[in-house]
Amino acid sequence: MRDIAIAMLATTALFGSAQNASAADLRARPAPYAPPPPVYAPPPLSWTGFYLGGNIGAAWVHRDVSDTFLGVDFGGGNNRGVFIGGGQLGYNWQIGYAVLGIEADFDAAANNNNTGTVFIPSVGTIQATSNNRWITTVAARFGVTNGPWLFYGKAGGGWVGSEDITVTNLTTGASITASNNSNSGWLVGAGIEWAFAPNWSAKVEYNYLGLDDRTFIVPAGVPGFLPGDTFTQSNRNIQMVKVGVNYLFNWSSYRY
């Protein structure tokens, strides 16, 4: 009996040690791996969408007014710069790194009276004046993008609202003014646009608007002028430098 009791006590001790070791193993086992929760990342910038904005800048024109009968030049070939300001609207379509679009803008021009005066014996002192009042363009845009930067070119057409020529004989006070009309031409340009905040971008661009020469023939019966005399306005091409800000609609945000 004594031997049996000793054997039972030894078996119980061994069983208890095994249980303790098994519990220790369970406590030491690492928890199963759990991946971290996904982090939301906004989509990359896309230039696709409509936009609307404003701009300010300056325009220059090298404009001459000449007289065919007397062979005099009233313009003097001066480059006169004026302030311009207005707005633009357009649409962009991005394909990969390429961006295509169309843009229309309108700018009012500060008074640009381009005046020349010539004294003509037996006729008097003749003054020729012309000015541009507004400039509007419609052009296709094509460029490449690099993150928040867009480098683009432009090609299209433009219109200028101008008084062609006003000719005044300062000696007699007689004056002739050509009818007000708009003049059209071709346009090329280039620029850089920067998306500096969600839905907002800033740009700087250069435009060249090519315009044909315009003529004005003096009608018969106007005192102080030679009937049939032709005044020609040449070198009317306009250069523009503008800075602007755009608000872009339906535009994917950029990861700033």
Protein backbone atom coordinates (compact mmCIF):
# COMPACT_ATOMS: atom_id res chain seq x y z
CA MET A 1 0.00 0.00 0.00
CA ARG A 2 2.82 2.33 0.82
CA ASP A 3 4.37 1.77 -2.62
CA ILE A 4 1.07 2.39 -4.35
CA ALA A 5 0.58 5.71 -2.51
CA ILE A 6 4.08 6.87 -3.41
CA ALA A 7 3.46 6.03 -7.08
CA MET A 8 0.17 7.95 -7.12
CA LEU A 9 1.81 11.00 -5.56
CA ALA A 10 4.60 10.92 -8.14
CA THR A 11 2.10 10.65 -11.01
CA THR A 12 0.08 13.59 -9.68
CA ALA A 13 3.21 15.74 -9.40
CA LEU A 14 4.27 14.94 -12.94
CA PHE A 15 0.75 15.69 -14.31
CA GLY A 16 0.66 19.05 -12.49
CA SER A 17 4.10 19.99 -13.85
CA ALA A 18 2.96 19.17 -17.40
CA GLN A 19 -0.15 21.32 -16.99
CA ASN A 20 1.93 24.25 -15.69
CA ALA A 21 4.37 23.91 -18.59
CA SER A 22 1.48 23.77 -21.11
CA ALA A 23 -0.11 26.91 -19.62
CA ALA A 24 3.25 28.70 -19.74
CA ASP A 25 3.61 27.76 -23.43
CA LEU A 26 0.14 29.11 -24.20
CA ARG A 27 0.92 32.43 -22.46
CA ALA A 28 4.22 32.84 -24.34
CA ARG A 29 2.81 32.16 -27.84
CA PRO A 30 2.61 35.42 -29.89
CA ALA A 31 -0.72 36.66 -31.15
CA PRO A 32 -1.55 36.05 -34.85
CA TYR A 33 -0.31 38.84 -37.29
CA ALA A 34 -2.91 41.51 -38.06
CA PRO A 35 -2.18 43.91 -41.00
CA PRO A 36 -2.58 47.66 -40.30
CA PRO A 37 -5.79 49.29 -41.50
CA PRO A 38 -5.62 50.79 -45.02
CA VAL A 39 -4.67 54.47 -45.27
CA TYR A 40 -6.76 56.60 -47.65
CA ALA A 41 -4.72 58.28 -50.38
CA PRO A 42 -6.37 60.92 -52.56
CA PRO A 43 -6.17 60.38 -56.32
CA PRO A 44 -3.35 62.08 -58.25
CA LEU A 45 -4.00 65.45 -59.83
CA SER A 46 -5.98 65.46 -63.06
CA TRP A 47 -6.40 68.62 -65.16
CA THR A 48 -9.60 67.33 -66.76
CA GLY A 49 -12.57 69.66 -66.26
CA PHE A 50 -13.97 73.15 -66.77
CA TYR A 51 -12.28 76.24 -65.34
CA LEU A 52 -13.03 79.94 -64.93
CA GLY A 53 -10.71 82.77 -63.91
CA GLY A 54 -9.37 86.30 -64.29
CA ASN A 55 -6.21 87.90 -65.60
CA ILE A 56 -4.27 91.17 -65.79
CA GLY A 57 -1.29 92.17 -67.89
CA ALA A 58 0.03 94.45 -70.60
CA ALA A 59 -0.17 94.67 -74.40
CA TRP A 60 2.17 96.30 -76.94
CA VAL A 61 1.65 97.27 -80.56
CA HIS A 62 4.11 98.68 -83.12
CA ARG A 63 1.62 100.62 -85.20
CA ASP A 64 2.19 103.06 -88.07
CA VAL A 65 -0.26 105.26 -89.97
CA SER A 66 0.88 106.40 -93.42
CA ASP A 67 -0.54 108.55 -96.21
CA THR A 68 -0.21 107.38 -99.84
CA PHE A 69 -0.79 110.68 -101.76
CA LEU A 70 1.72 112.70 -99.78
CA GLY A 71 3.98 109.84 -98.68
CA VAL A 72 4.15 110.80 -94.98
CA ASP A 73 4.22 108.54 -91.91
CA PHE A 74 2.14 109.59 -88.90
CA GLY A 75 2.94 106.71 -86.57
CA GLY A 76 6.65 106.97 -86.04
CA GLY A 77 6.94 103.23 -85.32
CA ASN A 78 6.58 103.51 -81.55
CA ASN A 79 5.80 100.57 -79.28
CA ARG A 80 3.08 101.66 -76.87
CA GLY A 81 2.22 99.48 -73.90
CA VAL A 82 -1.16 99.57 -72.20
CA PHE A 83 -2.74 97.82 -69.24
CA ILE A 84 -5.22 95.02 -70.02
CA GLY A 85 -7.49 93.03 -67.72
CA GLY A 86 -10.33 90.57 -68.04
CA GLY A 87 -11.27 86.92 -67.67
CA GLN A 88 -11.07 83.50 -69.27
CA LEU A 89 -12.94 80.21 -69.34
CA GLY A 90 -12.10 76.85 -70.82
CA TYR A 91 -12.01 73.08 -70.62
CA ASN A 92 -9.07 70.66 -70.20
CA TRP A 93 -8.89 66.98 -71.09
CA GLN A 94 -5.94 65.02 -69.71
CA ILE A 95 -4.68 61.84 -71.40
CA GLY A 96 -1.73 60.43 -69.51
CA TYR A 97 0.80 63.25 -69.28
CA ALA A 98 -0.77 65.15 -72.21
CA VAL A 99 -3.37 67.87 -71.67
CA LEU A 100 -5.62 69.15 -74.48
CA GLY A 101 -8.19 71.91 -74.18
CA ILE A 102 -9.87 75.00 -75.49
CA GLU A 103 -9.91 78.48 -73.95
CA ALA A 104 -11.66 81.79 -74.63
CA ASP A 105 -10.73 85.09 -72.99
CA PHE A 106 -11.76 88.73 -73.09
CA ASP A 107 -9.65 91.69 -71.98
CA ALA A 108 -10.43 95.39 -71.90
CA ALA A 109 -7.57 97.65 -72.94
CA ALA A 110 -6.75 101.00 -71.37
CA ASN A 111 -7.01 103.94 -73.76
CA ASN A 112 -4.23 103.60 -76.30
CA ASN A 113 -4.39 106.73 -78.41
CA ASN A 114 -1.63 106.25 -80.94
CA THR A 115 -1.34 109.78 -82.38
CA GLY A 116 0.94 111.17 -85.05
CA THR A 117 1.03 114.72 -86.42
CA VAL A 118 2.51 115.97 -89.70
CA PHE A 119 2.53 119.45 -91.25
CA ILE A 120 1.75 119.44 -94.97
CA PRO A 121 2.19 122.71 -96.91
CA SER A 122 -0.98 124.03 -98.57
CA VAL A 123 -3.02 121.47 -96.63
CA GLY A 124 -2.33 122.12 -92.93
CA THR A 125 -1.34 120.15 -89.85
CA ILE A 126 -2.78 116.64 -90.13
CA GLN A 127 -3.18 114.39 -87.10
CA ALA A 128 -3.92 110.63 -87.31
CA THR A 129 -5.19 108.77 -84.22
CA SER A 130 -6.15 105.15 -83.56
CA ASN A 131 -6.71 103.01 -80.47
CA ASN A 132 -7.70 99.52 -79.30
CA ARG A 133 -10.52 99.16 -76.78
CA TRP A 134 -10.72 95.41 -76.22
CA ILE A 135 -9.07 92.13 -77.21
CA THR A 136 -10.67 88.67 -77.24
CA THR A 137 -9.22 85.32 -78.30
CA VAL A 138 -10.34 81.71 -78.79
CA ALA A 139 -7.58 79.11 -78.94
CA ALA A 140 -6.76 75.44 -78.56
CA ARG A 141 -4.36 74.56 -75.74
CA PHE A 142 -1.96 71.62 -75.84
CA GLY A 143 0.67 70.77 -73.26
CA VAL A 144 2.30 68.31 -70.88
CA THR A 145 1.92 68.06 -67.12
CA ASN A 146 4.38 67.19 -64.38
CA GLY A 147 2.54 66.90 -61.08
CA PRO A 148 1.08 70.34 -60.26
CA TRP A 149 2.81 71.98 -63.27
CA LEU A 150 1.35 72.36 -66.76
CA PHE A 151 3.46 73.60 -69.68
CA TYR A 152 1.32 74.51 -72.69
CA GLY A 153 1.11 76.20 -76.06
CA LYS A 154 -1.84 77.96 -77.70
CA ALA A 155 -3.02 78.42 -81.30
CA GLY A 156 -6.20 80.03 -82.56
CA GLY A 157 -7.67 83.39 -83.48
CA GLY A 158 -8.37 86.79 -81.96
CA TRP A 159 -10.40 89.94 -82.44
CA VAL A 160 -9.62 93.57 -81.59
CA GLY A 161 -12.24 96.27 -81.13
CA SER A 162 -10.68 99.43 -82.51
CA GLU A 163 -11.33 102.73 -84.17
CA ASP A 164 -9.40 102.20 -87.39
CA ILE A 165 -8.24 105.74 -88.05
CA THR A 166 -9.35 109.24 -87.05
CA VAL A 167 -7.78 111.89 -89.28
CA THR A 168 -8.02 115.54 -88.21
CA ASN A 169 -6.86 118.70 -90.00
CA LEU A 170 -5.86 120.79 -87.01
CA THR A 171 -5.60 123.88 -89.23
CA THR A 172 -9.18 123.79 -90.49
CA GLY A 173 -10.75 121.69 -87.73
CA ALA A 174 -12.13 119.14 -90.22
CA SER A 175 -12.10 115.52 -89.02
CA ILE A 176 -12.87 112.11 -90.49
CA THR A 177 -13.39 109.01 -88.37
CA ALA A 178 -13.61 105.51 -89.81
CA SER A 179 -16.52 103.42 -88.59
CA ASN A 180 -15.94 101.44 -85.40
CA ASN A 181 -15.46 97.74 -86.09
CA SER A 182 -13.64 94.66 -84.89
CA ASN A 183 -10.59 93.25 -86.61
CA SER A 184 -9.60 89.56 -86.62
CA GLY A 185 -6.28 87.77 -86.86
CA TRP A 186 -4.35 84.64 -85.88
CA LEU A 187 -2.99 83.87 -82.43
CA VAL A 188 -0.08 81.84 -81.01
CA GLY A 189 1.11 81.71 -77.42
CA ALA A 190 2.71 79.73 -74.62
CA GLY A 191 2.42 79.58 -70.85
CA ILE A 192 3.00 77.82 -67.53
CA GLU A 193 0.22 76.95 -65.05
CA TRP A 194 0.71 75.85 -61.43
CA ALA A 195 -1.89 74.06 -59.29
CA PHE A 196 -1.04 75.66 -55.94
CA ALA A 197 -4.12 74.43 -54.00
CA PRO A 198 -7.06 72.08 -54.53
CA ASN A 199 -9.21 73.49 -57.37
CA TRP A 200 -6.97 76.57 -57.77
CA SER A 201 -4.18 77.33 -60.23
CA ALA A 202 -2.09 80.33 -61.27
CA LYS A 203 -0.62 80.98 -64.71
CA VAL A 204 1.62 83.29 -66.71
CA GLU A 205 1.50 83.37 -70.51
CA TYR A 206 2.62 85.22 -73.63
CA ASN A 207 0.40 85.74 -76.69
CA TYR A 208 1.07 87.13 -80.16
CA LEU A 209 -1.93 88.32 -82.19
CA GLY A 210 -1.22 88.87 -85.89
CA LEU A 211 -3.41 91.47 -87.62
CA ASP A 212 -3.51 92.58 -91.25
CA ASP A 213 -3.04 96.16 -92.45
CA ARG A 214 -6.15 98.35 -92.64
CA THR A 215 -6.85 101.23 -95.02
CA PHE A 216 -9.16 104.25 -95.05
CA ILE A 217 -9.93 106.26 -98.20
CA VAL A 218 -10.94 109.92 -97.87
CA PRO A 219 -14.32 110.44 -99.57
CA ALA A 220 -14.99 113.34 -101.90
CA GLY A 221 -16.41 116.59 -100.55
CA VAL A 222 -14.55 116.65 -97.23
CA PRO A 223 -12.94 120.09 -96.74
CA GLY A 224 -9.30 120.13 -95.73
CA PHE A 225 -8.51 116.71 -97.24
CA LEU A 226 -7.59 115.34 -100.65
CA PRO A 227 -10.38 113.12 -102.05
CA GLY A 228 -9.21 109.56 -102.63
CA ASP A 229 -6.22 109.93 -100.32
CA THR A 230 -5.58 106.57 -98.64
CA PHE A 231 -4.43 106.24 -95.03
CA THR A 232 -2.93 102.85 -94.17
CA GLN A 233 -2.53 101.42 -90.69
CA SER A 234 0.31 98.87 -90.61
CA ASN A 235 2.38 96.91 -88.08
CA ARG A 236 -0.77 96.28 -86.06
CA ASN A 237 0.38 92.99 -84.48
CA ILE A 238 -0.22 92.86 -80.72
CA GLN A 239 1.97 91.21 -78.09
CA MET A 240 0.50 90.39 -74.67
CA VAL A 241 1.91 89.17 -71.35
CA LYS A 242 -0.68 88.13 -68.75
CA VAL A 243 -0.86 86.55 -65.30
CA GLY A 244 -4.04 84.94 -64.09
CA VAL A 245 -5.79 82.70 -61.56
CA ASN A 246 -8.23 79.88 -62.40
CA TYR A 247 -10.82 77.98 -60.39
CA LEU A 248 -11.13 74.41 -61.70
CA PHE A 249 -14.48 72.59 -61.47
CA ASN A 250 -14.86 68.77 -61.21
CA TRP A 251 -11.13 68.52 -60.63
CA SER A 252 -9.35 65.69 -58.82
CA SER A 253 -7.38 66.87 -55.80
CA TYR A 254 -3.63 66.60 -55.68
CA ARG A 255 -1.69 64.83 -52.94
CA TYR A 256 0.01 67.86 -51.31
